[in-house]
């Protein structure tokens, strides 16, 4: 039986490339451009595997994870994001995602992550500590998650102006 693979991402180029790659690997593939589209799709088509983008128009990919787990408790879900942070990774796993990968990721990396159910004790540990800017980014993401994405509440908790926080969030996350 062919496994079903759901791609939830608003990046049309990424979804086209990944969909083609997974189809070549004999998956039955469906694409949803938003969490809302994926919710509607899962009413009639239950996937075995899914990649979910964190940040899309409308609801966050995090909001979709519990629904996917409910539709198929055996589903392996990979949270993909260009805005990787420890806070969102932890939250995604708590909600039921199997793994978490920062973008860019190719089809082989995605399948490797989805097929890795056990923790990897051999994973390379970097000797270099995070930069101050990266630590700031991680802290902001943690506080933002604690305040359920509410920018104003997060800004108050961090003791900064809301517009300053919005500018920091609009920037790409800094490298480690």
N, C-alpha and C. Protein backbone atom coordinates (compact mmCIF):
# COMPACT_ATOMS: atom_id res chain seq x y z
N UNK A 1 0.83 -1.18 0.00
CA UNK A 1 0.00 0.00 0.00
C UNK A 1 0.88 1.25 0.00
N UNK A 2 0.54 2.20 -0.81
CA UNK A 2 1.30 3.44 -0.93
C UNK A 2 1.03 4.33 0.28
N UNK A 3 2.13 4.86 0.86
CA UNK A 3 1.96 5.78 1.98
C UNK A 3 1.52 7.14 1.48
N UNK A 4 0.70 7.79 2.29
CA UNK A 4 0.19 9.12 1.95
C UNK A 4 1.05 10.18 2.64
N UNK A 5 1.42 11.20 1.87
CA UNK A 5 2.33 12.25 2.35
C UNK A 5 1.66 13.61 2.17
N UNK A 6 1.46 14.32 3.26
CA UNK A 6 0.84 15.65 3.22
C UNK A 6 1.92 16.72 3.39
N UNK A 7 1.91 17.71 2.50
CA UNK A 7 2.83 18.85 2.59
C UNK A 7 1.99 20.09 2.88
N UNK A 8 2.22 20.71 4.02
CA UNK A 8 1.50 21.92 4.39
C UNK A 8 2.51 23.06 4.43
N UNK A 9 2.45 23.92 3.42
CA UNK A 9 3.42 25.01 3.30
C UNK A 9 2.87 26.03 2.32
N UNK A 10 3.12 27.31 2.57
CA UNK A 10 2.63 28.36 1.67
C UNK A 10 3.65 28.75 0.61
N UNK A 11 4.82 28.12 0.61
CA UNK A 11 5.85 28.40 -0.40
C UNK A 11 5.61 27.49 -1.60
N UNK A 12 5.10 28.06 -2.70
CA UNK A 12 4.71 27.25 -3.85
C UNK A 12 5.89 26.55 -4.52
N UNK A 13 7.05 27.20 -4.56
CA UNK A 13 8.23 26.56 -5.16
C UNK A 13 8.66 25.36 -4.33
N UNK A 14 8.74 25.53 -3.03
CA UNK A 14 9.12 24.44 -2.14
C UNK A 14 8.15 23.27 -2.25
N UNK A 15 6.85 23.57 -2.22
CA UNK A 15 5.86 22.48 -2.27
C UNK A 15 5.91 21.75 -3.60
N UNK A 16 6.14 22.47 -4.69
CA UNK A 16 6.22 21.84 -6.01
C UNK A 16 7.42 20.88 -6.07
N UNK A 17 8.57 21.34 -5.60
CA UNK A 17 9.79 20.52 -5.64
C UNK A 17 9.66 19.31 -4.71
N UNK A 18 9.18 19.54 -3.48
CA UNK A 18 9.04 18.44 -2.53
C UNK A 18 7.97 17.44 -2.99
N UNK A 19 6.88 17.95 -3.51
CA UNK A 19 5.82 17.07 -4.00
C UNK A 19 6.33 16.17 -5.12
N UNK A 20 7.07 16.74 -6.05
CA UNK A 20 7.64 15.95 -7.15
C UNK A 20 8.61 14.90 -6.61
N UNK A 21 9.46 15.31 -5.67
CA UNK A 21 10.45 14.38 -5.10
C UNK A 21 9.77 13.22 -4.36
N UNK A 22 8.72 13.51 -3.62
CA UNK A 22 8.03 12.46 -2.87
C UNK A 22 7.21 11.56 -3.79
N UNK A 23 6.65 12.13 -4.85
CA UNK A 23 5.92 11.32 -5.83
C UNK A 23 6.87 10.34 -6.50
N UNK A 24 8.08 10.79 -6.82
CA UNK A 24 9.09 9.90 -7.42
C UNK A 24 9.48 8.76 -6.47
N UNK A 25 9.32 9.01 -5.18
CA UNK A 25 9.63 7.98 -4.18
C UNK A 25 8.40 7.13 -3.86
N UNK A 26 7.40 7.20 -4.72
CA UNK A 26 6.18 6.38 -4.63
C UNK A 26 5.25 6.73 -3.48
N UNK A 27 5.22 7.98 -3.05
CA UNK A 27 4.24 8.43 -2.07
C UNK A 27 3.04 9.00 -2.82
N UNK A 28 1.87 8.87 -2.22
CA UNK A 28 0.69 9.58 -2.71
C UNK A 28 0.71 10.93 -2.00
N UNK A 29 0.86 12.02 -2.76
CA UNK A 29 1.12 13.34 -2.17
C UNK A 29 -0.07 14.28 -2.36
N UNK A 30 -0.36 15.02 -1.30
CA UNK A 30 -1.33 16.12 -1.34
C UNK A 30 -0.64 17.35 -0.75
N UNK A 31 -1.00 18.53 -1.27
CA UNK A 31 -0.42 19.78 -0.79
C UNK A 31 -1.54 20.67 -0.27
N UNK A 32 -1.30 21.27 0.88
CA UNK A 32 -2.21 22.28 1.44
C UNK A 32 -1.39 23.55 1.64
N UNK A 33 -1.94 24.69 1.24
CA UNK A 33 -1.21 25.97 1.32
C UNK A 33 -1.37 26.69 2.65
N UNK A 34 -2.22 26.15 3.54
CA UNK A 34 -2.43 26.77 4.85
C UNK A 34 -2.92 25.71 5.83
N UNK A 35 -2.89 26.04 7.11
CA UNK A 35 -3.39 25.12 8.14
C UNK A 35 -4.88 24.87 7.91
N UNK A 36 -5.59 25.92 7.51
CA UNK A 36 -7.03 25.78 7.27
C UNK A 36 -7.31 24.83 6.10
N UNK A 37 -6.53 24.95 5.02
CA UNK A 37 -6.69 24.04 3.88
C UNK A 37 -6.39 22.59 4.29
N UNK A 38 -5.37 22.42 5.12
CA UNK A 38 -5.00 21.07 5.58
C UNK A 38 -6.12 20.48 6.44
N UNK A 39 -6.72 21.30 7.30
CA UNK A 39 -7.83 20.83 8.14
C UNK A 39 -8.97 20.30 7.28
N UNK A 40 -9.30 21.04 6.22
CA UNK A 40 -10.37 20.61 5.32
C UNK A 40 -9.99 19.32 4.59
N UNK A 41 -8.75 19.23 4.14
CA UNK A 41 -8.28 18.06 3.40
C UNK A 41 -8.32 16.79 4.26
N UNK A 42 -7.94 16.92 5.53
CA UNK A 42 -7.86 15.76 6.43
C UNK A 42 -9.24 15.19 6.75
N UNK A 43 -10.30 15.92 6.44
CA UNK A 43 -11.65 15.39 6.63
C UNK A 43 -11.93 14.21 5.69
N UNK A 44 -11.25 14.21 4.53
CA UNK A 44 -11.53 13.17 3.53
C UNK A 44 -10.30 12.35 3.14
N UNK A 45 -9.11 12.79 3.53
CA UNK A 45 -7.86 12.14 3.11
C UNK A 45 -6.90 12.13 4.29
N UNK A 46 -6.62 10.97 4.86
CA UNK A 46 -5.78 10.86 6.06
C UNK A 46 -4.36 10.46 5.66
N UNK A 47 -3.38 11.34 5.92
CA UNK A 47 -1.99 11.01 5.56
C UNK A 47 -1.30 10.12 6.60
N UNK A 48 -0.21 9.49 6.16
CA UNK A 48 0.65 8.70 7.04
C UNK A 48 1.83 9.54 7.53
N UNK A 49 2.25 10.47 6.67
CA UNK A 49 3.39 11.35 6.96
C UNK A 49 2.98 12.78 6.61
N UNK A 50 3.56 13.74 7.33
CA UNK A 50 3.25 15.14 7.01
C UNK A 50 4.44 16.03 7.33
N UNK A 51 4.64 17.03 6.47
CA UNK A 51 5.55 18.13 6.80
C UNK A 51 4.66 19.35 6.95
N UNK A 52 4.91 20.10 8.01
CA UNK A 52 4.08 21.26 8.32
C UNK A 52 5.00 22.45 8.53
N UNK A 53 4.76 23.51 7.78
CA UNK A 53 5.51 24.75 7.95
C UNK A 53 4.99 25.45 9.20
N UNK A 54 5.88 26.07 9.94
CA UNK A 54 5.48 26.77 11.17
C UNK A 54 4.73 28.05 10.86
N UNK A 55 5.31 28.88 10.00
CA UNK A 55 4.77 30.22 9.77
C UNK A 55 4.12 30.32 8.40
N UNK A 56 2.79 30.47 8.40
CA UNK A 56 2.04 30.61 7.16
C UNK A 56 0.99 31.69 7.36
N UNK A 57 0.37 32.11 6.25
CA UNK A 57 -0.78 33.01 6.37
C UNK A 57 -1.86 32.29 7.16
N UNK A 58 -2.57 33.00 8.00
CA UNK A 58 -3.61 32.37 8.80
C UNK A 58 -3.00 31.72 10.03
N UNK A 59 -3.52 30.57 10.40
CA UNK A 59 -3.06 29.88 11.60
C UNK A 59 -1.64 29.34 11.44
N UNK A 60 -0.94 29.27 12.55
CA UNK A 60 0.41 28.70 12.59
C UNK A 60 0.32 27.19 12.34
N UNK A 61 1.40 26.63 11.84
CA UNK A 61 1.46 25.19 11.67
C UNK A 61 1.33 24.44 12.99
N UNK A 62 1.71 25.09 14.10
CA UNK A 62 1.57 24.46 15.42
C UNK A 62 0.12 24.09 15.71
N UNK A 63 -0.81 24.94 15.26
CA UNK A 63 -2.23 24.69 15.54
C UNK A 63 -2.74 23.45 14.82
N UNK A 64 -2.06 23.04 13.77
CA UNK A 64 -2.49 21.90 12.97
C UNK A 64 -2.05 20.55 13.55
N UNK A 65 -0.97 20.54 14.31
CA UNK A 65 -0.40 19.28 14.80
C UNK A 65 -1.40 18.44 15.60
N UNK A 66 -2.12 19.00 16.59
CA UNK A 66 -3.07 18.15 17.33
C UNK A 66 -4.16 17.56 16.45
N UNK A 67 -4.64 18.32 15.47
CA UNK A 67 -5.67 17.82 14.57
C UNK A 67 -5.15 16.64 13.74
N UNK A 68 -3.91 16.76 13.25
CA UNK A 68 -3.31 15.68 12.47
C UNK A 68 -3.13 14.43 13.34
N UNK A 69 -2.69 14.63 14.58
CA UNK A 69 -2.50 13.50 15.50
C UNK A 69 -3.83 12.81 15.80
N UNK A 70 -4.88 13.61 15.91
CA UNK A 70 -6.21 13.05 16.17
C UNK A 70 -6.71 12.26 14.96
N UNK A 71 -6.45 12.78 13.76
CA UNK A 71 -6.90 12.10 12.53
C UNK A 71 -6.20 10.76 12.35
N UNK A 72 -4.91 10.71 12.71
CA UNK A 72 -4.14 9.47 12.58
C UNK A 72 -3.06 9.46 13.67
N UNK A 73 -3.32 8.81 14.79
CA UNK A 73 -2.35 8.80 15.90
C UNK A 73 -0.98 8.22 15.53
N UNK A 74 -0.90 7.44 14.46
CA UNK A 74 0.36 6.85 14.01
C UNK A 74 1.12 7.75 13.03
N UNK A 75 0.52 8.88 12.66
CA UNK A 75 1.14 9.77 11.67
C UNK A 75 2.46 10.32 12.21
N UNK A 76 3.46 10.34 11.32
CA UNK A 76 4.75 10.97 11.65
C UNK A 76 4.72 12.37 11.06
N UNK A 77 4.95 13.35 11.91
CA UNK A 77 4.83 14.75 11.51
C UNK A 77 6.16 15.46 11.70
N UNK A 78 6.58 16.17 10.67
CA UNK A 78 7.82 16.94 10.71
C UNK A 78 7.48 18.42 10.64
N UNK A 79 7.88 19.18 11.65
CA UNK A 79 7.71 20.63 11.65
C UNK A 79 8.90 21.23 10.93
N UNK A 80 8.63 21.98 9.86
CA UNK A 80 9.67 22.66 9.09
C UNK A 80 9.53 24.16 9.28
N UNK A 81 10.64 24.85 9.44
CA UNK A 81 10.54 26.30 9.56
C UNK A 81 11.83 27.00 9.20
N UNK A 82 11.68 28.17 8.66
CA UNK A 82 12.81 29.06 8.41
C UNK A 82 13.10 29.91 9.62
N UNK A 83 12.26 29.79 10.65
CA UNK A 83 12.39 30.59 11.88
C UNK A 83 12.64 29.66 13.06
N UNK A 84 13.67 28.83 12.94
CA UNK A 84 13.94 27.82 13.95
C UNK A 84 14.30 28.44 15.29
N UNK A 85 13.70 27.93 16.34
CA UNK A 85 14.06 28.32 17.69
C UNK A 85 13.81 27.13 18.61
N UNK A 86 14.48 27.13 19.72
CA UNK A 86 14.32 26.04 20.68
C UNK A 86 12.89 26.00 21.19
N UNK A 87 12.31 27.16 21.47
CA UNK A 87 10.95 27.23 22.01
C UNK A 87 9.93 26.60 21.05
N UNK A 88 10.00 26.93 19.76
CA UNK A 88 9.03 26.37 18.83
C UNK A 88 9.29 24.88 18.59
N UNK A 89 10.54 24.47 18.63
CA UNK A 89 10.85 23.04 18.47
C UNK A 89 10.25 22.24 19.63
N UNK A 90 10.45 22.72 20.83
CA UNK A 90 9.91 22.04 22.01
C UNK A 90 8.38 22.00 21.95
N UNK A 91 7.78 23.12 21.59
CA UNK A 91 6.31 23.19 21.51
C UNK A 91 5.79 22.23 20.45
N UNK A 92 6.43 22.16 19.29
CA UNK A 92 5.99 21.26 18.22
C UNK A 92 6.04 19.80 18.68
N UNK A 93 7.11 19.43 19.37
CA UNK A 93 7.25 18.05 19.87
C UNK A 93 6.20 17.77 20.94
N UNK A 94 5.98 18.73 21.85
CA UNK A 94 4.95 18.56 22.88
C UNK A 94 3.58 18.32 22.26
N UNK A 95 3.29 19.01 21.17
CA UNK A 95 1.98 18.90 20.52
C UNK A 95 1.83 17.61 19.72
N UNK A 96 2.94 16.91 19.46
CA UNK A 96 2.84 15.63 18.77
C UNK A 96 3.68 15.47 17.52
N UNK A 97 4.44 16.49 17.15
CA UNK A 97 5.33 16.34 16.00
C UNK A 97 6.39 15.30 16.32
N UNK A 98 6.79 14.54 15.30
CA UNK A 98 7.81 13.52 15.48
C UNK A 98 9.20 14.14 15.50
N UNK A 99 9.42 15.08 14.60
CA UNK A 99 10.73 15.74 14.48
C UNK A 99 10.53 17.20 14.09
N UNK A 100 11.63 17.93 14.09
CA UNK A 100 11.65 19.36 13.79
C UNK A 100 12.90 19.65 12.98
N UNK A 101 12.77 20.33 11.86
CA UNK A 101 13.92 20.67 11.02
C UNK A 101 13.86 22.13 10.60
N UNK A 102 15.00 22.81 10.62
CA UNK A 102 15.03 24.16 10.06
C UNK A 102 15.12 24.08 8.54
N UNK A 103 14.54 25.06 7.86
CA UNK A 103 14.68 25.16 6.40
C UNK A 103 16.02 25.81 6.10
N UNK A 104 16.60 25.58 4.98
CA UNK A 104 16.11 24.73 3.91
C UNK A 104 16.41 23.26 4.21
N UNK A 105 15.52 22.39 3.78
CA UNK A 105 15.72 20.95 3.93
C UNK A 105 15.28 20.29 2.63
N UNK A 106 16.03 19.29 2.19
CA UNK A 106 15.67 18.60 0.96
C UNK A 106 14.88 17.32 1.28
N UNK A 107 14.42 16.65 0.25
CA UNK A 107 13.58 15.46 0.41
C UNK A 107 14.29 14.37 1.22
N UNK A 108 15.58 14.17 0.98
CA UNK A 108 16.32 13.13 1.71
C UNK A 108 16.41 13.47 3.20
N UNK A 109 16.67 14.73 3.53
CA UNK A 109 16.74 15.14 4.94
C UNK A 109 15.37 15.00 5.60
N UNK A 110 14.33 15.35 4.88
CA UNK A 110 12.97 15.26 5.41
C UNK A 110 12.60 13.80 5.70
N UNK A 111 12.87 12.92 4.75
CA UNK A 111 12.56 11.50 4.97
C UNK A 111 13.41 10.90 6.09
N UNK A 112 14.67 11.30 6.16
CA UNK A 112 15.54 10.80 7.24
C UNK A 112 14.98 11.23 8.60
N UNK A 113 14.54 12.48 8.70
CA UNK A 113 13.98 12.97 9.96
C UNK A 113 12.66 12.26 10.29
N UNK A 114 11.81 12.06 9.31
CA UNK A 114 10.53 11.39 9.55
C UNK A 114 10.71 9.93 9.92
N UNK A 115 11.76 9.29 9.41
CA UNK A 115 12.00 7.88 9.71
C UNK A 115 12.80 7.66 10.98
N UNK A 116 13.31 8.74 11.54
CA UNK A 116 14.07 8.65 12.79
C UNK A 116 13.10 8.81 13.95
N UNK A 117 12.72 7.72 14.55
CA UNK A 117 11.76 7.74 15.65
C UNK A 117 12.50 7.86 16.98
N UNK A 118 13.65 7.22 17.05
CA UNK A 118 14.45 7.24 18.28
C UNK A 118 15.32 8.49 18.31
N UNK A 119 15.66 8.93 19.51
CA UNK A 119 16.60 10.04 19.65
C UNK A 119 17.98 9.59 19.17
N UNK A 120 18.74 10.51 18.63
CA UNK A 120 20.06 10.19 18.08
C UNK A 120 21.15 10.61 19.06
N UNK A 121 21.67 9.65 19.82
CA UNK A 121 22.72 9.95 20.80
C UNK A 121 24.04 10.30 20.13
N UNK A 122 24.19 9.95 18.85
CA UNK A 122 25.42 10.23 18.12
C UNK A 122 25.39 11.60 17.43
N UNK A 123 24.29 12.34 17.61
CA UNK A 123 24.17 13.63 16.94
C UNK A 123 25.33 14.54 17.34
N UNK A 124 25.86 15.21 16.35
CA UNK A 124 27.00 16.09 16.56
C UNK A 124 26.63 17.25 17.48
N UNK A 125 27.46 17.50 18.47
CA UNK A 125 27.25 18.61 19.39
C UNK A 125 28.27 19.68 19.07
N UNK A 126 27.76 20.88 18.81
CA UNK A 126 28.66 21.96 18.46
C UNK A 126 29.37 22.49 19.71
N UNK A 127 30.65 22.76 19.56
CA UNK A 127 31.44 23.27 20.69
C UNK A 127 31.26 24.76 20.87
N UNK A 128 30.81 25.43 19.83
CA UNK A 128 30.69 26.87 19.87
C UNK A 128 29.36 27.26 20.54
N UNK A 129 29.41 28.09 21.60
CA UNK A 129 28.17 28.51 22.22
C UNK A 129 27.40 29.47 21.30
N UNK A 130 26.11 29.63 21.59
CA UNK A 130 25.30 30.54 20.80
C UNK A 130 25.77 31.98 20.99
N UNK A 131 25.63 32.77 19.94
CA UNK A 131 25.97 34.19 20.03
C UNK A 131 24.92 34.90 20.90
N UNK A 132 25.26 36.09 21.37
CA UNK A 132 24.34 36.88 22.18
C UNK A 132 23.08 37.17 21.37
N UNK A 133 23.24 37.49 20.08
CA UNK A 133 22.07 37.77 19.24
C UNK A 133 21.17 36.54 19.10
N UNK A 134 21.79 35.36 18.96
CA UNK A 134 21.00 34.13 18.86
C UNK A 134 20.30 33.84 20.17
N UNK A 135 20.97 34.07 21.30
CA UNK A 135 20.34 33.86 22.60
C UNK A 135 19.14 34.79 22.76
N UNK A 136 19.30 36.04 22.31
CA UNK A 136 18.18 36.99 22.37
C UNK A 136 17.01 36.47 21.53
N UNK A 137 17.30 36.00 20.30
CA UNK A 137 16.26 35.46 19.43
C UNK A 137 15.54 34.29 20.10
N UNK A 138 16.29 33.38 20.68
CA UNK A 138 15.70 32.21 21.36
C UNK A 138 14.81 32.65 22.52
N UNK A 139 15.28 33.62 23.30
CA UNK A 139 14.50 34.09 24.44
C UNK A 139 13.20 34.75 23.97
N UNK A 140 13.29 35.58 22.94
CA UNK A 140 12.09 36.22 22.40
C UNK A 140 11.09 35.16 21.94
N UNK A 141 11.56 34.12 21.23
CA UNK A 141 10.68 33.06 20.75
C UNK A 141 10.02 32.31 21.91
N UNK A 142 10.78 32.08 22.97
CA UNK A 142 10.24 31.39 24.15
C UNK A 142 9.12 32.22 24.78
N UNK A 143 9.37 33.51 24.99
CA UNK A 143 8.37 34.38 25.60
C UNK A 143 7.16 34.53 24.68
N UNK A 144 7.39 34.62 23.38
CA UNK A 144 6.30 34.73 22.41
C UNK A 144 5.42 33.47 22.47
N UNK A 145 6.03 32.32 22.57
CA UNK A 145 5.28 31.06 22.69
C UNK A 145 4.47 31.03 23.98
N UNK A 146 5.08 31.49 25.08
CA UNK A 146 4.38 31.53 26.36
C UNK A 146 3.16 32.43 26.31
N UNK A 147 3.20 33.46 25.46
CA UNK A 147 2.08 34.40 25.33
C UNK A 147 1.23 34.10 24.09
N UNK A 148 1.33 32.84 23.61
CA UNK A 148 0.50 32.34 22.51
C UNK A 148 0.55 33.23 21.28
N UNK A 149 1.73 33.79 20.97
CA UNK A 149 1.91 34.59 19.77
C UNK A 149 1.43 36.03 19.88
N UNK A 150 0.98 36.44 21.06
CA UNK A 150 0.48 37.81 21.25
C UNK A 150 1.68 38.76 21.36
N UNK A 151 1.85 39.61 20.32
CA UNK A 151 3.00 40.52 20.25
C UNK A 151 2.98 41.53 21.39
N UNK A 152 1.81 42.12 21.65
CA UNK A 152 1.73 43.15 22.70
C UNK A 152 2.06 42.58 24.07
N UNK A 153 1.50 41.42 24.39
CA UNK A 153 1.78 40.80 25.69
C UNK A 153 3.25 40.40 25.80
N UNK A 154 3.81 39.92 24.71
CA UNK A 154 5.23 39.54 24.70
C UNK A 154 6.11 40.76 24.90
N UNK A 155 5.79 41.85 24.21
CA UNK A 155 6.57 43.09 24.36
C UNK A 155 6.52 43.59 25.81
N UNK A 156 5.34 43.53 26.41
CA UNK A 156 5.23 43.95 27.83
C UNK A 156 6.08 43.05 28.72
N UNK A 157 6.01 41.74 28.49
CA UNK A 157 6.78 40.80 29.31
C UNK A 157 8.28 41.00 29.15
N UNK A 158 8.71 41.39 27.94
CA UNK A 158 10.13 41.62 27.68
C UNK A 158 10.58 43.03 28.05
N UNK A 159 9.63 43.91 28.37
CA UNK A 159 9.96 45.28 28.72
C UNK A 159 10.47 46.08 27.54
N UNK A 160 9.88 45.83 26.35
CA UNK A 160 10.29 46.59 25.18
C UNK A 160 9.05 47.09 24.45
N UNK A 161 9.25 48.07 23.61
CA UNK A 161 8.15 48.62 22.83
C UNK A 161 7.69 47.59 21.81
N UNK A 162 6.39 47.55 21.55
CA UNK A 162 5.80 46.59 20.62
C UNK A 162 6.43 46.70 19.23
N UNK A 163 6.66 47.91 18.74
CA UNK A 163 7.24 48.07 17.40
C UNK A 163 8.68 47.57 17.34
N UNK A 164 9.42 47.75 18.43
CA UNK A 164 10.79 47.22 18.49
C UNK A 164 10.76 45.70 18.38
N UNK A 165 9.84 45.08 19.11
CA UNK A 165 9.70 43.62 19.04
C UNK A 165 9.30 43.18 17.64
N UNK A 166 8.37 43.89 17.01
CA UNK A 166 7.95 43.54 15.66
C UNK A 166 9.12 43.62 14.68
N UNK A 167 9.98 44.64 14.84
CA UNK A 167 11.16 44.75 13.97
C UNK A 167 12.10 43.57 14.18
N UNK A 168 12.31 43.19 15.43
CA UNK A 168 13.19 42.06 15.72
C UNK A 168 12.61 40.76 15.14
N UNK A 169 11.30 40.59 15.22
CA UNK A 169 10.67 39.38 14.70
C UNK A 169 10.66 39.35 13.17
N UNK A 170 10.66 40.49 12.54
CA UNK A 170 10.64 40.55 11.08
C UNK A 170 11.97 40.13 10.48
N UNK A 171 13.05 40.24 11.28
CA UNK A 171 14.37 39.85 10.79
C UNK A 171 14.49 38.33 10.80
N UNK A 172 15.35 37.83 9.94
CA UNK A 172 15.66 36.40 9.94
C UNK A 172 16.38 36.06 11.24
N UNK A 173 16.19 34.87 11.77
CA UNK A 173 16.94 34.51 12.97
C UNK A 173 18.44 34.50 12.68
N UNK A 174 19.20 34.94 13.66
CA UNK A 174 20.65 34.98 13.50
C UNK A 174 21.22 33.58 13.60
N UNK A 175 22.36 33.37 12.99
CA UNK A 175 23.04 32.07 13.08
C UNK A 175 23.51 31.85 14.51
N UNK A 176 23.72 30.64 14.83
CA UNK A 176 24.17 30.29 16.17
C UNK A 176 25.52 30.87 16.42
